[in-house]
N, C-alpha and C. Protein backbone atom coordinates (compact mmCIF):
# COMPACT_ATOMS: atom_id res chain seq x y z
N MET A 1 -9.45 -1.98 -1.06
CA MET A 1 -8.35 -2.62 -0.37
C MET A 1 -8.02 -1.82 0.85
N ASN A 2 -7.99 -2.50 2.02
CA ASN A 2 -7.59 -1.71 3.32
C ASN A 2 -6.10 -1.81 3.53
N ALA A 3 -5.63 -1.08 4.58
CA ALA A 3 -4.16 -0.96 4.83
C ALA A 3 -3.55 -2.36 5.16
N ALA A 4 -4.31 -3.31 5.66
CA ALA A 4 -3.74 -4.48 6.08
C ALA A 4 -3.61 -5.49 5.01
N THR A 5 -4.04 -5.17 3.76
CA THR A 5 -4.09 -6.10 2.69
C THR A 5 -2.81 -6.00 1.86
N PRO A 6 -2.07 -7.10 1.65
CA PRO A 6 -0.84 -7.01 0.87
C PRO A 6 -1.29 -6.80 -0.66
N ASP A 7 -0.46 -5.97 -1.32
CA ASP A 7 -0.70 -5.70 -2.68
C ASP A 7 -0.30 -6.95 -3.58
N VAL A 8 -1.24 -7.71 -3.97
CA VAL A 8 -1.01 -8.78 -4.95
C VAL A 8 -1.18 -8.28 -6.27
N ASP A 9 -0.03 -8.41 -7.04
CA ASP A 9 0.01 -7.96 -8.43
C ASP A 9 0.73 -9.03 -9.23
N ALA A 10 0.99 -8.84 -10.51
CA ALA A 10 1.62 -9.75 -11.27
C ALA A 10 2.96 -10.22 -10.95
N PHE A 11 3.71 -9.30 -10.32
CA PHE A 11 5.04 -9.60 -9.83
C PHE A 11 5.04 -10.39 -8.64
N THR A 12 4.18 -10.06 -7.58
CA THR A 12 4.17 -10.82 -6.25
C THR A 12 3.35 -12.03 -6.28
N ARG A 13 2.51 -12.13 -7.24
CA ARG A 13 1.53 -13.33 -7.32
C ARG A 13 2.27 -14.71 -7.11
N PRO A 14 3.43 -15.04 -7.68
CA PRO A 14 4.06 -16.21 -7.36
C PRO A 14 4.27 -16.49 -5.86
N TYR A 15 4.64 -15.41 -5.23
CA TYR A 15 4.97 -15.49 -3.75
C TYR A 15 3.64 -15.80 -3.04
N TRP A 16 2.57 -15.16 -3.33
CA TRP A 16 1.38 -15.37 -2.62
C TRP A 16 0.79 -16.72 -2.95
N ASP A 17 0.83 -17.12 -4.17
CA ASP A 17 0.28 -18.29 -4.69
C ASP A 17 1.07 -19.50 -3.97
N SER A 18 2.35 -19.38 -3.93
CA SER A 18 3.15 -20.46 -3.24
C SER A 18 2.78 -20.52 -1.79
N ALA A 19 2.54 -19.41 -1.18
CA ALA A 19 2.25 -19.35 0.27
C ALA A 19 0.85 -20.07 0.47
N ALA A 20 -0.04 -19.91 -0.45
CA ALA A 20 -1.28 -20.64 -0.32
C ALA A 20 -1.14 -22.15 -0.51
N GLN A 21 -0.14 -22.47 -1.10
CA GLN A 21 0.23 -23.96 -1.29
C GLN A 21 1.16 -24.35 -0.18
N GLY A 22 1.49 -23.62 0.83
CA GLY A 22 2.37 -23.99 1.93
C GLY A 22 3.84 -23.95 1.64
N ARG A 23 4.22 -23.11 0.73
CA ARG A 23 5.60 -23.07 0.32
C ARG A 23 6.02 -21.67 0.44
N LEU A 24 7.20 -21.35 0.95
CA LEU A 24 7.83 -20.00 1.13
C LEU A 24 8.80 -19.75 0.06
N LEU A 25 8.68 -18.59 -0.75
CA LEU A 25 9.64 -18.32 -1.76
C LEU A 25 10.28 -17.10 -1.38
N ILE A 26 11.62 -17.01 -1.75
CA ILE A 26 12.39 -15.78 -1.67
C ILE A 26 13.01 -15.51 -3.07
N ARG A 27 13.48 -14.27 -3.18
CA ARG A 27 14.15 -13.87 -4.44
C ARG A 27 15.58 -14.17 -4.30
N HIS A 28 16.27 -14.46 -5.43
CA HIS A 28 17.64 -14.86 -5.53
C HIS A 28 18.13 -14.21 -6.77
N CYS A 29 19.38 -13.60 -6.58
CA CYS A 29 19.98 -12.77 -7.62
C CYS A 29 21.01 -13.83 -8.30
N ALA A 30 20.92 -13.92 -9.68
CA ALA A 30 21.78 -14.80 -10.36
C ALA A 30 23.19 -14.04 -10.66
N ALA A 31 23.16 -12.76 -10.55
CA ALA A 31 24.43 -11.97 -10.80
C ALA A 31 25.39 -11.94 -9.68
N CYS A 32 24.88 -11.78 -8.43
CA CYS A 32 25.83 -11.91 -7.26
C CYS A 32 25.58 -12.97 -6.31
N ASP A 33 24.73 -13.96 -6.64
CA ASP A 33 24.36 -15.16 -5.98
C ASP A 33 23.93 -14.96 -4.47
N ARG A 34 23.18 -13.90 -4.38
CA ARG A 34 22.65 -13.63 -2.89
C ARG A 34 21.08 -13.59 -2.98
N PRO A 35 20.45 -14.16 -1.94
CA PRO A 35 19.03 -14.15 -1.72
C PRO A 35 18.69 -12.84 -1.07
N HIS A 36 17.26 -12.39 -1.33
CA HIS A 36 16.82 -11.29 -0.51
C HIS A 36 15.36 -11.42 -0.24
N HIS A 37 14.96 -10.71 0.67
CA HIS A 37 13.52 -10.61 1.03
C HIS A 37 13.29 -9.24 1.59
N TYR A 38 12.35 -8.56 1.32
CA TYR A 38 11.08 -8.69 0.73
C TYR A 38 11.25 -8.75 -0.79
N PRO A 39 10.11 -9.31 -1.49
CA PRO A 39 10.31 -9.50 -2.97
C PRO A 39 10.50 -8.06 -3.62
N ARG A 40 11.56 -7.97 -4.54
CA ARG A 40 11.81 -6.88 -5.44
C ARG A 40 12.23 -7.36 -6.75
N GLU A 41 11.98 -6.51 -7.81
CA GLU A 41 12.26 -6.88 -9.09
C GLU A 41 13.71 -6.68 -9.42
N PHE A 42 14.56 -6.17 -8.57
CA PHE A 42 15.94 -6.03 -8.75
C PHE A 42 16.64 -6.41 -7.49
N CYS A 43 17.99 -6.63 -7.62
CA CYS A 43 18.75 -7.05 -6.47
C CYS A 43 19.14 -5.89 -5.59
N PRO A 44 18.87 -5.85 -4.35
CA PRO A 44 19.19 -4.69 -3.52
C PRO A 44 20.74 -4.57 -3.24
N TYR A 45 21.49 -5.58 -3.63
CA TYR A 45 22.99 -5.52 -3.34
C TYR A 45 23.75 -5.08 -4.53
N CYS A 46 23.43 -5.57 -5.65
CA CYS A 46 24.20 -5.32 -6.92
C CYS A 46 23.30 -4.58 -7.99
N TRP A 47 22.09 -4.43 -7.74
CA TRP A 47 21.13 -3.74 -8.66
C TRP A 47 20.82 -4.45 -9.87
N SER A 48 21.21 -5.82 -9.95
CA SER A 48 20.92 -6.54 -11.14
C SER A 48 19.47 -6.83 -11.29
N GLU A 49 18.95 -6.87 -12.50
CA GLU A 49 17.52 -7.37 -12.67
C GLU A 49 17.26 -8.82 -12.99
N ASP A 50 18.46 -9.62 -12.78
CA ASP A 50 18.54 -10.96 -13.15
C ASP A 50 18.25 -11.70 -11.79
N VAL A 51 17.04 -11.53 -11.31
CA VAL A 51 16.59 -12.12 -10.05
C VAL A 51 15.35 -13.04 -10.33
N HIS A 52 15.36 -14.20 -9.48
CA HIS A 52 14.41 -15.23 -9.64
C HIS A 52 13.85 -15.64 -8.43
N TRP A 53 12.63 -16.31 -8.39
CA TRP A 53 12.05 -16.92 -7.25
C TRP A 53 12.71 -18.22 -6.93
N ARG A 54 12.90 -18.54 -5.72
CA ARG A 54 13.44 -19.85 -5.25
C ARG A 54 12.71 -20.25 -3.98
N PRO A 55 12.57 -21.57 -3.72
CA PRO A 55 11.90 -22.05 -2.67
C PRO A 55 12.90 -21.80 -1.44
N ALA A 56 12.39 -21.39 -0.32
CA ALA A 56 13.17 -21.38 0.95
C ALA A 56 13.00 -22.58 1.68
N SER A 57 13.85 -22.93 2.66
CA SER A 57 13.83 -24.14 3.45
C SER A 57 12.70 -23.95 4.50
N GLY A 58 12.32 -22.89 4.87
CA GLY A 58 11.37 -22.68 5.84
C GLY A 58 11.98 -22.59 7.19
N ARG A 59 13.24 -22.79 7.35
CA ARG A 59 13.85 -22.73 8.72
C ARG A 59 14.29 -21.17 8.93
N ALA A 60 14.25 -20.86 10.26
CA ALA A 60 14.70 -19.47 10.58
C ALA A 60 15.07 -19.49 12.08
N THR A 61 15.80 -18.42 12.50
CA THR A 61 15.99 -18.18 13.89
C THR A 61 15.38 -16.86 14.28
N LEU A 62 15.02 -16.77 15.48
CA LEU A 62 14.40 -15.49 15.97
C LEU A 62 15.48 -14.40 16.25
N TYR A 63 15.26 -13.26 15.50
CA TYR A 63 16.21 -12.20 15.71
C TYR A 63 15.76 -11.28 16.80
N THR A 64 14.49 -10.93 16.74
CA THR A 64 13.82 -10.00 17.85
C THR A 64 12.35 -10.10 17.79
N TRP A 65 11.72 -9.66 18.76
CA TRP A 65 10.24 -9.70 18.87
C TRP A 65 9.59 -8.63 19.70
N SER A 66 8.37 -8.40 19.62
CA SER A 66 7.59 -7.56 20.48
C SER A 66 6.21 -8.18 20.55
N VAL A 67 5.64 -8.10 21.81
CA VAL A 67 4.29 -8.60 21.94
C VAL A 67 3.42 -7.44 21.86
N VAL A 68 2.50 -7.50 20.94
CA VAL A 68 1.55 -6.46 20.58
C VAL A 68 0.30 -6.64 21.33
N HIS A 69 -0.01 -5.79 22.22
CA HIS A 69 -1.24 -5.87 23.12
C HIS A 69 -2.37 -4.90 22.66
N ARG A 70 -2.18 -4.08 21.73
CA ARG A 70 -3.13 -3.14 21.15
C ARG A 70 -2.87 -2.97 19.64
N ASN A 71 -3.87 -3.03 18.81
CA ASN A 71 -3.80 -2.85 17.44
C ASN A 71 -5.18 -2.60 16.92
N ASP A 72 -5.48 -1.42 16.46
CA ASP A 72 -6.78 -1.09 16.00
C ASP A 72 -7.11 -1.38 14.54
N LEU A 73 -6.10 -1.89 13.83
CA LEU A 73 -6.26 -2.14 12.39
C LEU A 73 -6.82 -3.57 12.21
N PRO A 74 -7.93 -3.67 11.43
CA PRO A 74 -8.51 -5.02 11.07
C PRO A 74 -7.36 -5.80 10.19
N PRO A 75 -7.09 -7.04 10.36
CA PRO A 75 -7.78 -7.91 11.31
C PRO A 75 -7.01 -8.15 12.51
N PHE A 76 -5.95 -7.27 12.74
CA PHE A 76 -5.05 -7.49 13.92
C PHE A 76 -5.65 -7.26 15.22
N GLY A 77 -6.64 -6.47 15.39
CA GLY A 77 -7.23 -6.12 16.75
C GLY A 77 -7.81 -7.32 17.32
N ASP A 78 -8.38 -8.30 16.56
CA ASP A 78 -9.00 -9.42 17.03
C ASP A 78 -7.99 -10.47 17.39
N ARG A 79 -6.68 -10.30 17.26
CA ARG A 79 -5.71 -11.31 17.46
C ARG A 79 -4.77 -10.95 18.68
N VAL A 80 -4.94 -9.72 19.18
CA VAL A 80 -4.11 -9.27 20.30
C VAL A 80 -4.33 -10.14 21.62
N PRO A 81 -3.36 -10.47 22.41
CA PRO A 81 -1.90 -10.14 22.08
C PRO A 81 -1.33 -11.15 21.07
N TYR A 82 -0.37 -10.65 20.29
CA TYR A 82 0.39 -11.52 19.24
C TYR A 82 1.82 -11.04 19.29
N VAL A 83 2.62 -12.00 18.80
CA VAL A 83 4.11 -11.77 18.76
C VAL A 83 4.52 -11.23 17.36
N ALA A 84 4.79 -9.93 17.26
CA ALA A 84 5.40 -9.50 15.82
C ALA A 84 6.85 -9.66 16.08
N ALA A 85 7.40 -10.22 14.98
CA ALA A 85 8.96 -10.59 15.13
C ALA A 85 9.61 -10.39 13.75
N VAL A 86 10.95 -10.39 13.94
CA VAL A 86 11.91 -10.49 12.79
C VAL A 86 12.64 -11.69 12.76
N VAL A 87 12.72 -12.43 11.86
CA VAL A 87 13.51 -13.79 11.84
C VAL A 87 14.69 -13.68 10.77
N ASP A 88 15.62 -14.38 11.03
CA ASP A 88 16.69 -14.57 10.08
C ASP A 88 16.42 -15.94 9.37
N LEU A 89 15.98 -15.88 8.12
CA LEU A 89 15.86 -16.97 7.35
C LEU A 89 17.14 -17.83 7.17
N ALA A 90 17.10 -19.12 7.12
CA ALA A 90 18.33 -19.95 6.92
C ALA A 90 19.14 -19.52 5.65
N GLU A 91 18.46 -18.97 4.79
CA GLU A 91 19.16 -18.59 3.50
C GLU A 91 19.77 -17.36 3.59
N GLY A 92 19.58 -16.60 4.70
CA GLY A 92 20.25 -15.32 4.98
C GLY A 92 19.42 -14.04 5.11
N PRO A 93 18.32 -13.93 4.31
CA PRO A 93 17.52 -12.70 4.46
C PRO A 93 16.75 -12.65 5.83
N ARG A 94 16.44 -11.44 6.22
CA ARG A 94 15.75 -11.21 7.49
C ARG A 94 14.29 -10.88 7.02
N MET A 95 13.29 -11.37 7.80
CA MET A 95 11.84 -11.16 7.42
C MET A 95 11.06 -10.75 8.57
N MET A 96 10.14 -9.93 8.41
CA MET A 96 9.15 -9.53 9.42
C MET A 96 8.07 -10.67 9.33
N THR A 97 7.58 -10.92 10.47
CA THR A 97 6.63 -12.02 10.54
C THR A 97 5.84 -11.98 12.00
N GLU A 98 5.17 -13.06 12.16
CA GLU A 98 4.58 -13.33 13.47
C GLU A 98 4.98 -14.67 14.01
N VAL A 99 5.28 -14.80 15.28
CA VAL A 99 5.56 -15.98 15.94
C VAL A 99 4.32 -16.59 16.53
N VAL A 100 3.96 -17.84 16.15
CA VAL A 100 2.69 -18.47 16.63
C VAL A 100 3.02 -19.75 17.39
N GLY A 101 2.17 -20.25 18.24
CA GLY A 101 2.33 -21.47 18.91
C GLY A 101 3.41 -21.51 19.90
N CYS A 102 3.80 -20.42 20.60
CA CYS A 102 4.90 -20.34 21.47
C CYS A 102 4.58 -19.37 22.60
N PRO A 103 4.50 -19.67 23.80
CA PRO A 103 4.30 -18.77 24.90
C PRO A 103 5.31 -17.67 24.95
N GLU A 104 5.00 -16.45 25.31
CA GLU A 104 5.93 -15.32 25.36
C GLU A 104 7.12 -15.70 26.24
N ALA A 105 6.87 -16.40 27.36
CA ALA A 105 7.99 -16.81 28.21
C ALA A 105 9.11 -17.67 27.63
N ASP A 106 8.66 -18.48 26.61
CA ASP A 106 9.52 -19.45 25.96
C ASP A 106 10.26 -18.80 24.81
N LEU A 107 9.96 -17.55 24.34
CA LEU A 107 10.73 -16.87 23.21
C LEU A 107 12.19 -16.69 23.60
N ARG A 108 13.12 -16.94 22.73
CA ARG A 108 14.51 -16.65 23.02
C ARG A 108 15.19 -16.23 21.78
N ILE A 109 16.02 -15.15 21.79
CA ILE A 109 16.81 -14.87 20.70
C ILE A 109 17.52 -15.94 20.11
N GLY A 110 17.65 -16.16 18.81
CA GLY A 110 18.34 -17.28 18.29
C GLY A 110 17.53 -18.64 18.23
N MET A 111 16.35 -18.69 18.82
CA MET A 111 15.63 -19.96 18.87
C MET A 111 15.26 -20.43 17.50
N GLU A 112 15.23 -21.66 17.24
CA GLU A 112 14.95 -22.24 15.93
C GLU A 112 13.49 -22.22 15.68
N LEU A 113 13.00 -21.70 14.47
CA LEU A 113 11.65 -21.54 14.11
C LEU A 113 11.40 -22.23 12.78
N TYR A 114 10.28 -22.54 12.38
CA TYR A 114 9.98 -23.09 11.14
C TYR A 114 8.65 -22.49 10.69
N VAL A 115 8.62 -22.25 9.27
CA VAL A 115 7.54 -21.64 8.76
C VAL A 115 6.14 -22.33 8.79
N ARG A 116 5.09 -21.71 8.94
CA ARG A 116 3.81 -22.27 9.00
C ARG A 116 3.06 -21.17 8.13
N PHE A 117 1.78 -21.50 7.77
CA PHE A 117 0.99 -20.51 6.94
C PHE A 117 -0.38 -20.36 7.59
N ARG A 118 -0.68 -19.09 7.59
CA ARG A 118 -2.06 -18.75 8.11
C ARG A 118 -2.87 -18.32 6.74
N GLY A 119 -3.81 -19.20 6.48
CA GLY A 119 -4.70 -19.04 5.36
C GLY A 119 -5.85 -18.08 5.55
N GLY A 120 -6.40 -17.63 4.56
CA GLY A 120 -7.53 -16.72 4.57
C GLY A 120 -8.69 -17.19 5.41
N ALA A 121 -8.93 -18.54 5.40
CA ALA A 121 -9.87 -19.08 6.24
C ALA A 121 -9.53 -19.11 7.67
N GLU A 122 -8.35 -19.17 7.91
CA GLU A 122 -7.97 -19.12 9.42
C GLU A 122 -7.51 -17.71 9.89
N GLY A 123 -8.04 -16.66 9.28
CA GLY A 123 -7.68 -15.35 9.65
C GLY A 123 -6.57 -14.65 9.03
N GLY A 124 -6.32 -15.24 7.71
CA GLY A 124 -5.30 -14.59 6.89
C GLY A 124 -5.64 -13.10 6.55
N VAL A 125 -4.91 -12.43 5.82
CA VAL A 125 -5.24 -11.08 5.53
C VAL A 125 -6.17 -11.01 4.35
N GLY A 126 -7.28 -10.34 4.45
CA GLY A 126 -8.27 -10.30 3.37
C GLY A 126 -7.76 -9.76 2.20
N ALA A 127 -8.27 -10.34 0.98
CA ALA A 127 -7.87 -9.76 -0.32
C ALA A 127 -9.21 -9.95 -1.19
N GLU A 128 -9.34 -9.11 -2.09
CA GLU A 128 -10.55 -9.14 -3.03
C GLU A 128 -10.22 -10.08 -4.12
N ASP A 129 -9.07 -10.48 -4.50
CA ASP A 129 -8.87 -11.21 -5.69
C ASP A 129 -8.77 -12.78 -5.44
N GLY A 130 -8.99 -13.21 -4.27
CA GLY A 130 -9.31 -14.66 -4.15
C GLY A 130 -7.95 -15.42 -3.91
N VAL A 131 -6.85 -14.90 -3.53
CA VAL A 131 -5.71 -15.63 -3.40
C VAL A 131 -5.77 -16.32 -2.05
N GLY A 132 -5.46 -17.68 -2.00
CA GLY A 132 -5.44 -18.35 -0.78
C GLY A 132 -6.79 -18.82 -0.41
N ALA A 133 -6.86 -19.51 0.74
CA ALA A 133 -8.10 -20.18 1.30
C ALA A 133 -9.05 -19.05 1.77
N GLY A 134 -10.30 -19.29 1.49
CA GLY A 134 -11.35 -18.36 1.90
C GLY A 134 -11.35 -17.03 1.35
N GLY A 135 -10.66 -16.83 0.21
CA GLY A 135 -10.70 -15.55 -0.34
C GLY A 135 -9.69 -14.53 0.17
N GLY A 136 -8.88 -15.07 1.14
CA GLY A 136 -7.89 -14.14 1.81
C GLY A 136 -6.39 -14.54 1.36
N VAL A 137 -5.55 -13.65 1.66
CA VAL A 137 -4.11 -14.01 1.27
C VAL A 137 -3.49 -14.77 2.43
N THR A 138 -2.89 -15.88 1.99
CA THR A 138 -2.21 -16.85 2.97
C THR A 138 -0.89 -16.22 3.28
N VAL A 139 -0.61 -15.99 4.56
CA VAL A 139 0.70 -15.32 4.94
C VAL A 139 1.61 -16.36 5.68
N PRO A 140 2.96 -16.17 5.50
CA PRO A 140 3.85 -16.93 6.30
C PRO A 140 4.02 -16.49 7.67
N VAL A 141 3.87 -17.41 8.64
CA VAL A 141 4.25 -17.00 10.05
C VAL A 141 5.18 -18.17 10.48
N PHE A 142 5.73 -17.94 11.70
CA PHE A 142 6.72 -18.94 12.22
C PHE A 142 6.43 -19.46 13.56
N GLY A 143 6.79 -20.74 13.91
CA GLY A 143 6.65 -21.33 15.08
C GLY A 143 7.78 -22.19 15.49
N PRO A 144 7.81 -22.69 16.69
CA PRO A 144 8.92 -23.52 17.14
C PRO A 144 8.77 -24.87 16.43
N ALA A 145 9.88 -25.66 16.34
CA ALA A 145 9.84 -26.85 15.83
C ALA A 145 8.91 -27.78 16.61
N PRO A 146 8.17 -28.60 15.87
CA PRO A 146 7.32 -29.65 16.55
C PRO A 146 8.10 -30.59 17.43
N VAL A 147 7.55 -30.94 18.57
CA VAL A 147 8.12 -31.85 19.43
C VAL A 147 8.03 -33.23 18.94
N PRO A 148 9.03 -34.08 18.75
CA PRO A 148 8.89 -35.38 18.27
C PRO A 148 8.00 -36.30 19.19
N VAL A 149 7.25 -37.07 18.58
CA VAL A 149 6.30 -37.85 19.36
C VAL A 149 6.76 -39.32 19.63
N PHE A 150 7.91 -39.59 19.25
CA PHE A 150 8.47 -40.89 19.53
C PHE A 150 9.50 -40.77 20.76
N GLY A 151 9.88 -41.91 21.26
CA GLY A 151 10.75 -41.93 22.52
C GLY A 151 12.20 -41.66 22.08
N PRO A 152 13.08 -41.94 23.24
CA PRO A 152 14.42 -41.70 22.93
C PRO A 152 14.99 -42.86 22.05
N ALA A 153 16.17 -42.60 21.44
CA ALA A 153 16.72 -43.57 20.54
C ALA A 153 17.26 -44.74 21.46
N PRO A 154 17.15 -45.94 21.01
CA PRO A 154 17.67 -47.03 21.79
C PRO A 154 19.20 -47.03 21.99
N VAL A 155 19.57 -47.50 23.11
CA VAL A 155 20.92 -47.57 23.49
C VAL A 155 21.54 -48.94 22.87
N PRO A 156 22.57 -48.80 22.05
CA PRO A 156 23.29 -50.09 21.46
C PRO A 156 23.53 -51.04 22.58
N GLY A 157 23.23 -52.27 22.32
CA GLY A 157 23.54 -53.45 23.27
C GLY A 157 22.57 -53.50 24.50
N ALA A 158 21.64 -52.69 24.61
CA ALA A 158 20.71 -52.62 25.71
C ALA A 158 19.59 -53.73 25.63
N GLY A 159 19.55 -54.38 24.47
CA GLY A 159 18.40 -55.33 24.24
C GLY A 159 17.18 -54.78 23.77
N PRO A 160 16.09 -55.54 23.84
CA PRO A 160 14.82 -54.96 23.25
C PRO A 160 14.24 -53.92 24.23
N VAL A 161 13.51 -53.02 23.59
CA VAL A 161 13.00 -51.92 24.41
C VAL A 161 11.48 -52.26 24.78
């Protein structure tokens, strides 16, 4: 395993398996009713071990970012420049990620982002245990909301469009 490979074990497997299926999971504490991320076997707020996986909405806002122009670690060196970011998930936790599909000039603190997934076949992080497409680990990344392809809403009383 190299330094860029997430540690997929029995505890984190549901997270990585869900990512491979296009779903983002976060941990939620039943004792204090608070979500948290990164995945831990206990609640970082009240220390309860009564924590469970829950699906996240996939919505987030951009908290901060940095454009990485040099990275010598595989597989990141082949992707430069890329946008390393921290997002605030709609559920509350903050998450380190990458912003994709958005020019640097368009990035704004607080901009709305939505989860996407980079699978092993699309340059996900390599893993020996076969999680995700192409034998790699599918990782959550975030991008701007898709632009609607339909026109403006009709104006009431304006007749046929």
